[in-house]
């Protein structure tokens, strides 16, 4: 019986990959990739010729059983996402759970993930925090925001650029316009920036200057 390696990949700057991640990706029998086209560029850059197989949110329910059988037969497998650590708002949970249920060892390498630098950059308390990922788009959104309005720990969210203004508006409505917010955009990339201030001020900034790129929003807990 083999092992599933969960391998973080850079969130922007290719130099952030680890030596160990490259070694694992070169030595496994095949790589499960969220998008083989995106990951193909990464593998080509580091001269990794390992075969890839598609594994994403639309097919992971169907492919888990066959992957488990391959692992049981001794096949070495690595799981990667388009960027960052798999299973953090990306596919990976179903497979890791299935491996554990089948007594297959799971090893997650340390590495890049967007919310950690965003949290540290925010200047908000980071001794206790809660990672929320993406808020529900429609169903359950209001219920979630009402629950989070009384959360005392620092909160971390992922958001897409075209929904950021709407989400900041909801933070003003449910958390209060004076709640401290930090928005980190394009982390590790050329145009990386972090905008900090009250929810009202940050909303005004991005209303005037629509954002682009990957976004992490960090929000202070209720005092």
N, C-alpha and C. Protein backbone atom coordinates (compact mmCIF):
# COMPACT_ATOMS: atom_id res chain seq x y z
N UNK A 1 0.84 -1.19 0.00
CA UNK A 1 0.00 0.00 0.00
C UNK A 1 0.88 1.24 0.00
N UNK A 2 0.47 2.24 -0.79
CA UNK A 2 1.30 3.42 -0.97
C UNK A 2 0.82 4.58 -0.10
N UNK A 3 1.17 5.78 -0.52
CA UNK A 3 0.87 6.98 0.25
C UNK A 3 0.35 8.08 -0.68
N UNK A 4 -0.58 8.87 -0.18
CA UNK A 4 -1.03 10.06 -0.90
C UNK A 4 -0.25 11.26 -0.39
N UNK A 5 0.43 11.94 -1.29
CA UNK A 5 1.14 13.18 -0.95
C UNK A 5 0.27 14.37 -1.36
N UNK A 6 0.00 15.26 -0.43
CA UNK A 6 -0.71 16.51 -0.74
C UNK A 6 0.35 17.59 -0.82
N UNK A 7 0.49 18.17 -2.02
CA UNK A 7 1.64 19.04 -2.31
C UNK A 7 1.18 20.47 -2.62
N UNK A 8 1.52 21.44 -1.78
CA UNK A 8 1.20 22.83 -2.08
C UNK A 8 2.02 23.34 -3.27
N UNK A 9 1.44 24.22 -4.05
CA UNK A 9 2.12 24.84 -5.17
C UNK A 9 2.06 26.37 -5.01
N UNK A 10 2.94 27.11 -5.67
CA UNK A 10 2.97 28.57 -5.49
C UNK A 10 1.63 29.24 -5.81
N UNK A 11 1.32 30.32 -5.08
CA UNK A 11 0.10 31.07 -5.34
C UNK A 11 0.34 32.21 -6.33
N UNK A 12 1.56 32.33 -6.81
CA UNK A 12 1.88 33.37 -7.78
C UNK A 12 3.34 33.36 -8.19
N UNK A 13 4.21 33.45 -7.20
CA UNK A 13 5.65 33.48 -7.46
C UNK A 13 6.19 32.05 -7.47
N UNK A 14 6.68 31.61 -8.62
CA UNK A 14 7.15 30.23 -8.76
C UNK A 14 8.32 29.91 -7.82
N UNK A 15 9.03 30.92 -7.37
CA UNK A 15 10.16 30.70 -6.47
C UNK A 15 9.71 30.21 -5.09
N UNK A 16 8.43 30.28 -4.82
CA UNK A 16 7.92 29.86 -3.51
C UNK A 16 7.72 28.36 -3.39
N UNK A 17 7.92 27.60 -4.45
CA UNK A 17 7.82 26.15 -4.34
C UNK A 17 9.01 25.62 -3.52
N UNK A 18 8.82 24.51 -2.83
CA UNK A 18 9.91 23.98 -2.01
C UNK A 18 10.69 22.90 -2.78
N UNK A 19 11.93 22.68 -2.37
CA UNK A 19 12.75 21.62 -2.97
C UNK A 19 12.05 20.27 -2.81
N UNK A 20 11.46 20.07 -1.64
CA UNK A 20 10.81 18.79 -1.36
C UNK A 20 9.59 18.57 -2.25
N UNK A 21 8.83 19.64 -2.50
CA UNK A 21 7.66 19.52 -3.38
C UNK A 21 8.09 19.07 -4.77
N UNK A 22 9.16 19.65 -5.29
CA UNK A 22 9.67 19.27 -6.62
C UNK A 22 10.10 17.81 -6.62
N UNK A 23 10.80 17.41 -5.56
CA UNK A 23 11.28 16.03 -5.46
C UNK A 23 10.11 15.04 -5.46
N UNK A 24 9.08 15.32 -4.67
CA UNK A 24 7.91 14.43 -4.61
C UNK A 24 7.22 14.36 -5.96
N UNK A 25 7.01 15.51 -6.60
CA UNK A 25 6.30 15.53 -7.88
C UNK A 25 7.08 14.80 -8.97
N UNK A 26 8.38 14.79 -8.87
CA UNK A 26 9.19 14.07 -9.86
C UNK A 26 9.17 12.56 -9.62
N UNK A 27 8.99 12.14 -8.37
CA UNK A 27 9.16 10.73 -8.03
C UNK A 27 7.87 9.91 -7.94
N UNK A 28 6.72 10.57 -7.81
CA UNK A 28 5.47 9.80 -7.74
C UNK A 28 5.14 9.20 -9.10
N UNK A 29 4.20 8.26 -9.10
CA UNK A 29 3.79 7.61 -10.35
C UNK A 29 2.89 8.49 -11.19
N UNK A 30 2.01 9.24 -10.53
CA UNK A 30 1.22 10.22 -11.27
C UNK A 30 0.73 11.32 -10.33
N UNK A 31 0.32 12.43 -10.95
CA UNK A 31 -0.10 13.62 -10.21
C UNK A 31 -1.57 13.89 -10.51
N UNK A 32 -2.34 14.11 -9.46
CA UNK A 32 -3.73 14.55 -9.60
C UNK A 32 -3.74 16.07 -9.61
N UNK A 33 -4.25 16.66 -10.68
CA UNK A 33 -4.21 18.11 -10.84
C UNK A 33 -5.61 18.68 -11.04
N UNK A 34 -5.86 19.81 -10.42
CA UNK A 34 -7.16 20.47 -10.55
C UNK A 34 -7.42 20.88 -12.00
N UNK A 35 -6.41 21.46 -12.63
CA UNK A 35 -6.48 21.83 -14.05
C UNK A 35 -5.14 21.45 -14.68
N UNK A 36 -5.15 20.45 -15.53
CA UNK A 36 -3.89 19.94 -16.09
C UNK A 36 -3.19 20.98 -16.96
N UNK A 37 -3.94 21.90 -17.55
CA UNK A 37 -3.31 22.94 -18.37
C UNK A 37 -2.54 23.92 -17.50
N UNK A 38 -3.17 24.34 -16.41
CA UNK A 38 -2.49 25.27 -15.49
C UNK A 38 -1.29 24.61 -14.85
N UNK A 39 -1.48 23.39 -14.34
CA UNK A 39 -0.38 22.69 -13.67
C UNK A 39 0.70 22.28 -14.65
N UNK A 40 0.32 22.07 -15.91
CA UNK A 40 1.31 21.71 -16.92
C UNK A 40 2.40 22.77 -17.08
N UNK A 41 2.02 24.02 -16.94
CA UNK A 41 3.01 25.12 -17.04
C UNK A 41 3.99 25.06 -15.87
N UNK A 42 3.45 24.76 -14.68
CA UNK A 42 4.31 24.65 -13.50
C UNK A 42 5.28 23.48 -13.65
N UNK A 43 4.77 22.32 -14.06
CA UNK A 43 5.62 21.14 -14.20
C UNK A 43 6.69 21.34 -15.27
N UNK A 44 6.31 21.99 -16.36
CA UNK A 44 7.28 22.25 -17.43
C UNK A 44 8.39 23.17 -16.94
N UNK A 45 8.04 24.18 -16.15
CA UNK A 45 9.03 25.13 -15.63
C UNK A 45 10.08 24.42 -14.79
N UNK A 46 9.65 23.43 -14.00
CA UNK A 46 10.58 22.72 -13.12
C UNK A 46 11.03 21.37 -13.69
N UNK A 47 10.78 21.17 -14.97
CA UNK A 47 11.23 19.98 -15.70
C UNK A 47 10.74 18.70 -15.03
N UNK A 48 9.44 18.70 -14.70
CA UNK A 48 8.80 17.53 -14.09
C UNK A 48 7.97 16.85 -15.17
N UNK A 49 8.32 15.60 -15.48
CA UNK A 49 7.67 14.89 -16.59
C UNK A 49 6.61 13.90 -16.13
N UNK A 50 6.27 13.90 -14.86
CA UNK A 50 5.30 12.94 -14.30
C UNK A 50 3.93 13.10 -14.96
N UNK A 51 3.29 11.98 -15.22
CA UNK A 51 1.96 12.00 -15.85
C UNK A 51 0.94 12.65 -14.91
N UNK A 52 0.01 13.42 -15.50
CA UNK A 52 -1.05 14.07 -14.74
C UNK A 52 -2.41 13.45 -15.05
N UNK A 53 -3.28 13.50 -14.05
CA UNK A 53 -4.67 13.08 -14.21
C UNK A 53 -5.56 14.17 -13.63
N UNK A 54 -6.64 14.50 -14.31
CA UNK A 54 -7.55 15.55 -13.87
C UNK A 54 -8.31 15.13 -12.61
N UNK A 55 -8.33 16.02 -11.62
CA UNK A 55 -9.06 15.76 -10.37
C UNK A 55 -9.56 17.10 -9.85
N UNK A 56 -10.85 17.37 -10.07
CA UNK A 56 -11.42 18.68 -9.70
C UNK A 56 -12.80 18.51 -9.09
N UNK A 57 -13.43 19.61 -8.72
CA UNK A 57 -14.69 19.56 -7.97
C UNK A 57 -15.82 18.91 -8.76
N UNK A 58 -15.71 18.88 -10.09
CA UNK A 58 -16.78 18.32 -10.91
C UNK A 58 -16.65 16.81 -11.13
N UNK A 59 -15.46 16.25 -10.84
CA UNK A 59 -15.30 14.80 -11.07
C UNK A 59 -14.77 14.04 -9.86
N UNK A 60 -14.45 14.74 -8.76
CA UNK A 60 -13.78 14.05 -7.65
C UNK A 60 -14.65 12.97 -7.01
N UNK A 61 -15.98 13.14 -7.01
CA UNK A 61 -16.84 12.11 -6.46
C UNK A 61 -16.75 10.81 -7.27
N UNK A 62 -16.52 10.96 -8.58
CA UNK A 62 -16.48 9.80 -9.46
C UNK A 62 -15.12 9.11 -9.49
N UNK A 63 -14.05 9.87 -9.21
CA UNK A 63 -12.70 9.33 -9.37
C UNK A 63 -12.08 8.80 -8.09
N UNK A 64 -12.66 9.13 -6.93
CA UNK A 64 -12.04 8.75 -5.65
C UNK A 64 -11.83 7.24 -5.55
N UNK A 65 -12.84 6.45 -5.88
CA UNK A 65 -12.73 5.00 -5.71
C UNK A 65 -11.60 4.40 -6.54
N UNK A 66 -11.46 4.84 -7.78
CA UNK A 66 -10.40 4.30 -8.64
C UNK A 66 -9.02 4.72 -8.14
N UNK A 67 -8.93 5.92 -7.60
CA UNK A 67 -7.64 6.39 -7.06
C UNK A 67 -7.27 5.57 -5.82
N UNK A 68 -8.25 5.28 -4.99
CA UNK A 68 -8.01 4.46 -3.79
C UNK A 68 -7.48 3.08 -4.19
N UNK A 69 -8.06 2.49 -5.21
CA UNK A 69 -7.61 1.18 -5.68
C UNK A 69 -6.17 1.23 -6.17
N UNK A 70 -5.82 2.31 -6.86
CA UNK A 70 -4.44 2.45 -7.34
C UNK A 70 -3.47 2.61 -6.17
N UNK A 71 -3.89 3.36 -5.17
CA UNK A 71 -3.05 3.52 -3.98
C UNK A 71 -2.87 2.20 -3.26
N UNK A 72 -3.93 1.41 -3.16
CA UNK A 72 -3.86 0.10 -2.51
C UNK A 72 -2.91 -0.84 -3.24
N UNK A 73 -2.77 -0.65 -4.55
CA UNK A 73 -1.90 -1.53 -5.34
C UNK A 73 -0.44 -1.10 -5.29
N UNK A 74 -0.16 0.01 -4.59
CA UNK A 74 1.23 0.44 -4.43
C UNK A 74 1.62 1.62 -5.28
N UNK A 75 0.67 2.24 -5.96
CA UNK A 75 0.96 3.41 -6.80
C UNK A 75 1.21 4.64 -5.93
N UNK A 76 2.24 5.39 -6.23
CA UNK A 76 2.55 6.63 -5.53
C UNK A 76 1.79 7.77 -6.20
N UNK A 77 1.04 8.55 -5.42
CA UNK A 77 0.18 9.60 -5.97
C UNK A 77 0.42 10.92 -5.24
N UNK A 78 0.46 12.01 -6.01
CA UNK A 78 0.53 13.35 -5.43
C UNK A 78 -0.69 14.15 -5.89
N UNK A 79 -1.23 14.94 -5.00
CA UNK A 79 -2.37 15.80 -5.29
C UNK A 79 -1.93 17.26 -5.24
N UNK A 80 -2.24 18.01 -6.32
CA UNK A 80 -1.95 19.44 -6.33
C UNK A 80 -3.21 20.19 -6.78
N UNK A 81 -3.27 21.47 -6.44
CA UNK A 81 -4.34 22.33 -6.94
C UNK A 81 -3.71 23.36 -7.87
N UNK A 82 -4.52 24.25 -8.42
CA UNK A 82 -3.98 25.28 -9.32
C UNK A 82 -2.99 26.18 -8.61
N UNK A 83 -3.25 26.46 -7.34
CA UNK A 83 -2.36 27.32 -6.55
C UNK A 83 -2.65 27.11 -5.07
N UNK A 84 -1.61 27.07 -4.27
CA UNK A 84 -1.78 26.93 -2.83
C UNK A 84 -1.87 25.48 -2.38
N UNK A 85 -2.43 25.28 -1.20
CA UNK A 85 -2.52 23.96 -0.60
C UNK A 85 -3.84 23.29 -0.95
N UNK A 86 -3.82 22.10 -1.53
CA UNK A 86 -5.06 21.40 -1.85
C UNK A 86 -5.95 21.22 -0.62
N UNK A 87 -7.26 21.20 -0.86
CA UNK A 87 -8.29 21.01 0.16
C UNK A 87 -8.62 22.29 0.93
N UNK A 88 -7.85 23.37 0.73
CA UNK A 88 -8.19 24.66 1.32
C UNK A 88 -8.97 25.44 0.26
N UNK A 89 -10.30 25.36 0.34
CA UNK A 89 -11.19 25.94 -0.69
C UNK A 89 -10.87 25.38 -2.08
N UNK A 90 -10.39 24.17 -2.13
CA UNK A 90 -10.06 23.46 -3.36
C UNK A 90 -10.31 21.97 -3.14
N UNK A 91 -10.36 21.16 -4.22
CA UNK A 91 -10.54 19.71 -4.06
C UNK A 91 -9.43 19.09 -3.22
N UNK A 92 -9.78 18.03 -2.50
CA UNK A 92 -8.78 17.33 -1.70
C UNK A 92 -9.36 16.65 -0.48
N UNK A 93 -10.39 17.25 0.10
CA UNK A 93 -10.97 16.69 1.33
C UNK A 93 -11.53 15.29 1.10
N UNK A 94 -12.30 15.10 0.04
CA UNK A 94 -12.92 13.80 -0.21
C UNK A 94 -11.88 12.69 -0.35
N UNK A 95 -10.80 13.00 -1.07
CA UNK A 95 -9.77 11.99 -1.29
C UNK A 95 -8.99 11.69 -0.01
N UNK A 96 -8.63 12.72 0.73
CA UNK A 96 -7.88 12.48 1.96
C UNK A 96 -8.72 11.70 2.96
N UNK A 97 -10.01 12.01 3.03
CA UNK A 97 -10.91 11.28 3.93
C UNK A 97 -11.01 9.81 3.52
N UNK A 98 -11.13 9.58 2.20
CA UNK A 98 -11.23 8.20 1.70
C UNK A 98 -9.95 7.42 2.00
N UNK A 99 -8.80 8.08 1.88
CA UNK A 99 -7.53 7.41 2.20
C UNK A 99 -7.49 7.00 3.67
N UNK A 100 -7.89 7.90 4.54
CA UNK A 100 -7.87 7.60 5.98
C UNK A 100 -8.82 6.46 6.30
N UNK A 101 -9.99 6.46 5.67
CA UNK A 101 -10.97 5.38 5.89
C UNK A 101 -10.44 4.03 5.42
N UNK A 102 -9.52 4.06 4.43
CA UNK A 102 -8.94 2.83 3.89
C UNK A 102 -7.54 2.54 4.42
N UNK A 103 -7.18 3.22 5.51
CA UNK A 103 -5.87 3.02 6.16
C UNK A 103 -4.70 3.28 5.22
N UNK A 104 -4.88 4.24 4.32
CA UNK A 104 -3.80 4.68 3.42
C UNK A 104 -3.19 5.94 4.02
N UNK A 105 -1.88 5.96 4.11
CA UNK A 105 -1.21 7.10 4.73
C UNK A 105 -1.37 8.36 3.88
N UNK A 106 -1.61 9.48 4.55
CA UNK A 106 -1.71 10.79 3.89
C UNK A 106 -0.63 11.69 4.46
N UNK A 107 0.15 12.29 3.60
CA UNK A 107 1.20 13.21 4.05
C UNK A 107 1.04 14.54 3.31
N UNK A 108 0.80 15.61 4.08
CA UNK A 108 0.68 16.94 3.50
C UNK A 108 1.97 17.72 3.71
N UNK A 109 2.59 18.12 2.63
CA UNK A 109 3.81 18.92 2.73
C UNK A 109 3.46 20.35 3.13
N UNK A 110 4.33 21.01 3.89
CA UNK A 110 4.10 22.42 4.19
C UNK A 110 4.38 23.26 2.95
N UNK A 111 3.72 24.40 2.86
CA UNK A 111 3.97 25.23 1.68
C UNK A 111 2.98 26.38 1.56
N UNK A 112 2.87 26.89 0.37
CA UNK A 112 2.11 28.11 0.12
C UNK A 112 0.62 27.95 0.37
N UNK A 113 0.04 28.97 1.00
CA UNK A 113 -1.41 29.13 1.09
C UNK A 113 -1.68 30.61 1.28
N UNK A 114 -2.72 31.11 0.64
CA UNK A 114 -2.91 32.57 0.56
C UNK A 114 -3.29 33.21 1.89
N UNK A 115 -4.06 32.50 2.72
CA UNK A 115 -4.61 33.21 3.87
C UNK A 115 -3.60 33.52 4.97
N UNK A 116 -2.51 32.76 5.05
CA UNK A 116 -1.54 33.01 6.12
C UNK A 116 -0.82 34.36 5.94
N UNK A 117 -0.21 34.64 4.78
CA UNK A 117 0.40 35.97 4.63
C UNK A 117 -0.62 37.10 4.71
N UNK A 118 -1.84 36.88 4.23
CA UNK A 118 -2.87 37.92 4.31
C UNK A 118 -3.21 38.23 5.76
N UNK A 119 -3.30 37.20 6.59
CA UNK A 119 -3.58 37.39 8.01
C UNK A 119 -2.46 38.15 8.69
N UNK A 120 -1.22 37.74 8.43
CA UNK A 120 -0.08 38.39 9.06
C UNK A 120 0.06 39.83 8.57
N UNK A 121 -0.18 40.06 7.28
CA UNK A 121 -0.10 41.42 6.71
C UNK A 121 -1.17 42.35 7.24
N UNK A 122 -2.28 41.80 7.70
CA UNK A 122 -3.44 42.62 8.06
C UNK A 122 -3.20 43.52 9.26
N UNK A 123 -2.35 43.09 10.18
CA UNK A 123 -2.16 43.83 11.41
C UNK A 123 -3.27 43.60 12.42
N UNK A 124 -4.20 42.71 12.09
CA UNK A 124 -5.29 42.37 13.00
C UNK A 124 -4.87 41.21 13.90
N UNK A 125 -5.51 41.03 15.05
CA UNK A 125 -5.11 39.96 15.97
C UNK A 125 -5.07 38.60 15.28
N UNK A 126 -3.97 37.88 15.45
CA UNK A 126 -3.84 36.57 14.79
C UNK A 126 -3.54 35.44 15.77
N UNK A 127 -3.74 35.73 17.07
CA UNK A 127 -3.56 34.65 18.04
C UNK A 127 -4.74 33.67 18.00
N UNK A 128 -5.91 34.18 17.59
CA UNK A 128 -7.09 33.34 17.38
C UNK A 128 -7.79 33.85 16.13
N UNK A 129 -8.12 32.94 15.24
CA UNK A 129 -8.80 33.34 14.01
C UNK A 129 -9.63 32.19 13.48
N UNK A 130 -10.55 32.51 12.57
CA UNK A 130 -11.41 31.51 11.95
C UNK A 130 -11.35 31.70 10.43
N UNK A 131 -11.12 30.60 9.72
CA UNK A 131 -11.06 30.64 8.26
C UNK A 131 -12.42 30.27 7.70
N UNK A 132 -13.05 31.19 6.98
CA UNK A 132 -14.39 30.97 6.43
C UNK A 132 -14.37 30.61 4.95
N UNK A 133 -13.26 30.87 4.26
CA UNK A 133 -13.23 30.60 2.83
C UNK A 133 -14.23 31.48 2.10
N UNK A 134 -14.92 30.92 1.09
CA UNK A 134 -15.91 31.67 0.33
C UNK A 134 -17.26 31.64 1.05
N UNK A 135 -17.89 32.79 1.19
CA UNK A 135 -19.24 32.85 1.73
C UNK A 135 -20.23 32.22 0.74
N UNK A 136 -21.34 31.70 1.23
CA UNK A 136 -22.37 31.22 0.30
C UNK A 136 -22.78 32.34 -0.65
N UNK A 137 -23.01 32.01 -1.90
CA UNK A 137 -23.35 33.04 -2.89
C UNK A 137 -24.76 33.57 -2.65
N UNK A 138 -25.73 32.67 -2.45
CA UNK A 138 -27.11 33.09 -2.25
C UNK A 138 -27.71 32.40 -1.02
N UNK A 139 -28.06 31.13 -1.16
CA UNK A 139 -28.71 30.39 -0.09
C UNK A 139 -27.78 30.26 1.11
N UNK A 140 -28.22 30.72 2.25
CA UNK A 140 -27.44 30.61 3.47
C UNK A 140 -26.50 31.77 3.74
N UNK A 141 -26.40 32.71 2.82
CA UNK A 141 -25.46 33.83 2.99
C UNK A 141 -25.86 34.71 4.17
N UNK A 142 -27.13 35.13 4.20
CA UNK A 142 -27.60 35.99 5.28
C UNK A 142 -27.45 35.32 6.64
N UNK A 143 -27.82 34.04 6.70
CA UNK A 143 -27.70 33.29 7.95
C UNK A 143 -26.26 33.25 8.43
N UNK A 144 -25.33 33.03 7.48
CA UNK A 144 -23.91 32.97 7.84
C UNK A 144 -23.41 34.32 8.35
N UNK A 145 -23.80 35.38 7.66
CA UNK A 145 -23.36 36.72 8.06
C UNK A 145 -23.90 37.10 9.44
N UNK A 146 -25.13 36.72 9.73
CA UNK A 146 -25.70 37.00 11.05
C UNK A 146 -24.93 36.27 12.15
N UNK A 147 -24.53 35.03 11.88
CA UNK A 147 -23.74 34.28 12.85
C UNK A 147 -22.36 34.90 13.04
N UNK A 148 -21.75 35.34 11.94
CA UNK A 148 -20.40 35.89 12.01
C UNK A 148 -20.38 37.30 12.61
N UNK A 149 -21.51 37.96 12.62
CA UNK A 149 -21.57 39.32 13.17
C UNK A 149 -21.19 39.36 14.65
N UNK A 150 -21.35 38.24 15.35
CA UNK A 150 -21.00 38.20 16.78
C UNK A 150 -19.72 37.41 17.03
N UNK A 151 -19.03 36.98 15.96
CA UNK A 151 -17.76 36.26 16.08
C UNK A 151 -16.69 37.19 16.65
N UNK A 152 -16.00 36.77 17.70
CA UNK A 152 -15.00 37.63 18.34
C UNK A 152 -13.59 37.41 17.79
N UNK A 153 -13.40 36.30 17.09
CA UNK A 153 -12.08 36.04 16.51
C UNK A 153 -11.93 36.74 15.16
N UNK A 154 -10.71 36.98 14.75
CA UNK A 154 -10.44 37.52 13.41
C UNK A 154 -10.94 36.51 12.37
N UNK A 155 -11.59 37.03 11.33
CA UNK A 155 -12.19 36.17 10.29
C UNK A 155 -11.47 36.34 8.96
N UNK A 156 -11.32 35.24 8.24
CA UNK A 156 -10.62 35.25 6.96
C UNK A 156 -11.55 34.71 5.88
N UNK A 157 -11.64 35.46 4.78
CA UNK A 157 -12.50 35.08 3.67
C UNK A 157 -11.72 35.09 2.36
N UNK A 158 -12.10 34.22 1.44
CA UNK A 158 -11.66 34.32 0.06
C UNK A 158 -12.81 34.96 -0.74
N UNK A 159 -12.46 35.77 -1.74
CA UNK A 159 -13.49 36.38 -2.57
C UNK A 159 -12.97 36.62 -3.97
N UNK A 160 -13.87 36.56 -4.93
CA UNK A 160 -13.51 36.87 -6.32
C UNK A 160 -13.60 38.37 -6.53
N UNK A 161 -12.82 38.91 -7.48
CA UNK A 161 -12.79 40.37 -7.64
C UNK A 161 -14.14 40.99 -7.99
N UNK A 162 -14.95 40.31 -8.80
CA UNK A 162 -16.22 40.91 -9.20
C UNK A 162 -17.29 40.86 -8.11
N UNK A 163 -17.01 40.14 -7.01
CA UNK A 163 -17.96 40.09 -5.89
C UNK A 163 -17.47 40.84 -4.66
N UNK A 164 -16.26 41.39 -4.72
CA UNK A 164 -15.66 42.01 -3.54
C UNK A 164 -16.49 43.19 -3.02
N UNK A 165 -16.89 44.08 -3.90
CA UNK A 165 -17.64 45.27 -3.47
C UNK A 165 -18.95 44.86 -2.80
N UNK A 166 -19.63 43.88 -3.36
CA UNK A 166 -20.88 43.40 -2.76
C UNK A 166 -20.62 42.83 -1.37
N UNK A 167 -19.56 42.05 -1.24
CA UNK A 167 -19.24 41.44 0.05
C UNK A 167 -18.87 42.50 1.08
N UNK A 168 -18.07 43.48 0.69
CA UNK A 168 -17.70 44.56 1.61
C UNK A 168 -18.94 45.34 2.04
N UNK A 169 -19.89 45.51 1.12
CA UNK A 169 -21.14 46.16 1.46
C UNK A 169 -21.91 45.38 2.50
N UNK A 170 -21.90 44.05 2.37
CA UNK A 170 -22.56 43.20 3.37
C UNK A 170 -21.84 43.27 4.72
N UNK A 171 -20.52 43.38 4.69
CA UNK A 171 -19.78 43.53 5.95
C UNK A 171 -20.18 44.82 6.65
N UNK A 172 -20.32 45.90 5.88
CA UNK A 172 -20.79 47.17 6.46
C UNK A 172 -22.17 47.00 7.07
N UNK A 173 -23.03 46.30 6.38
CA UNK A 173 -24.42 46.13 6.82
C UNK A 173 -24.52 45.24 8.06
N UNK A 174 -23.82 44.13 8.07
CA UNK A 174 -23.97 43.15 9.15
C UNK A 174 -22.96 43.33 10.28
N UNK A 175 -21.75 43.79 9.97
CA UNK A 175 -20.71 43.92 10.99
C UNK A 175 -20.56 45.36 11.49
N UNK A 176 -21.01 46.31 10.69
CA UNK A 176 -20.84 47.72 11.04
C UNK A 176 -19.78 48.39 10.18
N UNK A 177 -20.03 49.64 9.81
CA UNK A 177 -19.13 50.36 8.91
C UNK A 177 -17.75 50.61 9.51
N UNK A 178 -17.66 50.60 10.84
CA UNK A 178 -16.38 50.89 11.50
C UNK A 178 -15.55 49.64 11.77
N UNK A 179 -16.03 48.46 11.39
CA UNK A 179 -15.26 47.23 11.60
C UNK A 179 -13.97 47.27 10.77
N UNK A 180 -12.84 46.92 11.37
CA UNK A 180 -11.56 46.95 10.68
C UNK A 180 -11.44 45.80 9.68
N UNK A 181 -10.98 46.15 8.49
CA UNK A 181 -10.88 45.19 7.38
C UNK A 181 -9.53 45.35 6.70
N UNK A 182 -9.01 44.23 6.21
CA UNK A 182 -7.78 44.25 5.41
C UNK A 182 -8.01 43.38 4.17
N UNK A 183 -7.75 43.96 3.00
CA UNK A 183 -7.91 43.24 1.75
C UNK A 183 -6.54 43.08 1.08
N UNK A 184 -6.11 41.82 0.95
CA UNK A 184 -4.84 41.53 0.27
C UNK A 184 -5.14 40.97 -1.11
N UNK A 185 -4.46 41.52 -2.11
CA UNK A 185 -4.74 41.17 -3.50
C UNK A 185 -3.44 40.79 -4.21
N UNK A 186 -3.51 39.76 -5.06
CA UNK A 186 -2.36 39.35 -5.87
C UNK A 186 -1.12 39.05 -5.02
N UNK A 187 -1.31 38.34 -3.94
CA UNK A 187 -0.20 38.01 -3.04
C UNK A 187 0.92 37.28 -3.77
N UNK A 188 2.14 37.69 -3.51
CA UNK A 188 3.41 37.16 -4.06
C UNK A 188 3.63 37.56 -5.52
N UNK A 189 2.68 38.28 -6.12
CA UNK A 189 2.82 38.66 -7.52
C UNK A 189 3.32 40.10 -7.66
N UNK A 190 3.55 40.53 -8.88
CA UNK A 190 4.15 41.84 -9.15
C UNK A 190 3.33 42.98 -8.57
N UNK A 191 2.01 42.90 -8.68
CA UNK A 191 1.15 44.01 -8.24
C UNK A 191 0.47 43.71 -6.90
N UNK A 192 1.15 43.00 -6.04
CA UNK A 192 0.61 42.71 -4.71
C UNK A 192 0.30 43.99 -3.96
N UNK A 193 -0.85 43.99 -3.29
CA UNK A 193 -1.19 45.15 -2.46
C UNK A 193 -2.08 44.72 -1.31
N UNK A 194 -2.03 45.47 -0.22
CA UNK A 194 -2.93 45.26 0.91
C UNK A 194 -3.52 46.61 1.30
N UNK A 195 -4.85 46.69 1.30
CA UNK A 195 -5.57 47.90 1.68
C UNK A 195 -6.23 47.65 3.03
N UNK A 196 -5.96 48.53 4.00
CA UNK A 196 -6.48 48.38 5.35
C UNK A 196 -7.31 49.59 5.74
N UNK A 197 -8.29 49.37 6.61
CA UNK A 197 -9.11 50.48 7.09
C UNK A 197 -10.44 49.98 7.58
N UNK A 198 -11.38 50.91 7.78
CA UNK A 198 -12.72 50.49 8.17
C UNK A 198 -13.41 49.85 6.97
N UNK A 199 -14.44 49.07 7.25
CA UNK A 199 -15.19 48.44 6.16
C UNK A 199 -15.72 49.49 5.19
N UNK A 200 -16.16 50.62 5.72
CA UNK A 200 -16.68 51.69 4.87
C UNK A 200 -15.60 52.27 3.97
N UNK A 201 -14.41 52.53 4.54
CA UNK A 201 -13.32 53.12 3.76
C UNK A 201 -12.81 52.16 2.69
N UNK A 202 -12.67 50.89 3.04
CA UNK A 202 -12.17 49.90 2.07
C UNK A 202 -13.20 49.68 0.96
N UNK A 203 -14.48 49.69 1.33
CA UNK A 203 -15.54 49.59 0.32
C UNK A 203 -15.46 50.76 -0.65
N UNK A 204 -15.29 51.96 -0.12
CA UNK A 204 -15.19 53.16 -0.97
C UNK A 204 -14.00 53.05 -1.92
N UNK A 205 -12.87 52.54 -1.40
CA UNK A 205 -11.67 52.41 -2.23
C UNK A 205 -11.93 51.51 -3.43
N UNK A 206 -12.52 50.35 -3.18
CA UNK A 206 -12.71 49.40 -4.28
C UNK A 206 -13.93 49.73 -5.14
N UNK A 207 -14.84 50.55 -4.62
CA UNK A 207 -15.92 51.06 -5.47
C UNK A 207 -15.36 52.01 -6.51
N UNK A 208 -14.35 52.78 -6.09
CA UNK A 208 -13.70 53.73 -7.00
C UNK A 208 -12.68 53.05 -7.91
N UNK A 209 -12.10 51.96 -7.42
CA UNK A 209 -11.03 51.27 -8.14
C UNK A 209 -11.32 49.77 -8.14
N UNK A 210 -12.12 49.28 -9.10
CA UNK A 210 -12.48 47.86 -9.13
C UNK A 210 -11.24 46.97 -9.10
N UNK A 211 -11.25 45.93 -8.26
CA UNK A 211 -10.06 45.09 -8.09
C UNK A 211 -9.91 44.04 -9.18
N UNK A 212 -8.69 43.52 -9.28
CA UNK A 212 -8.39 42.39 -10.15
C UNK A 212 -7.59 41.37 -9.34
N UNK A 213 -7.61 40.13 -9.79
CA UNK A 213 -6.75 39.11 -9.18
C UNK A 213 -7.37 38.38 -8.00
N UNK A 214 -6.56 37.51 -7.40
CA UNK A 214 -6.99 36.70 -6.26
C UNK A 214 -7.03 37.56 -5.00
N UNK A 215 -8.08 37.37 -4.18
CA UNK A 215 -8.32 38.28 -3.05
C UNK A 215 -8.55 37.50 -1.76
N UNK A 216 -7.92 37.99 -0.67
CA UNK A 216 -8.18 37.50 0.67
C UNK A 216 -8.63 38.69 1.51
N UNK A 217 -9.76 38.52 2.21
CA UNK A 217 -10.29 39.57 3.08
C UNK A 217 -10.16 39.12 4.53
N UNK A 218 -9.55 39.96 5.36
CA UNK A 218 -9.40 39.67 6.78
C UNK A 218 -10.21 40.71 7.55
N UNK A 219 -11.06 40.24 8.46
CA UNK A 219 -11.98 41.13 9.17
C UNK A 219 -11.80 40.94 10.67
N UNK A 220 -11.71 42.06 11.39
CA UNK A 220 -11.58 42.00 12.85
C UNK A 220 -12.84 41.39 13.47
N UNK A 221 -12.66 40.67 14.56
CA UNK A 221 -13.80 40.13 15.29
C UNK A 221 -14.51 41.22 16.08
N UNK A 222 -15.69 40.89 16.57
CA UNK A 222 -16.46 41.83 17.35
C UNK A 222 -15.80 42.06 18.70
N UNK A 223 -15.73 43.30 19.12
CA UNK A 223 -15.11 43.63 20.41
C UNK A 223 -16.16 43.53 21.52
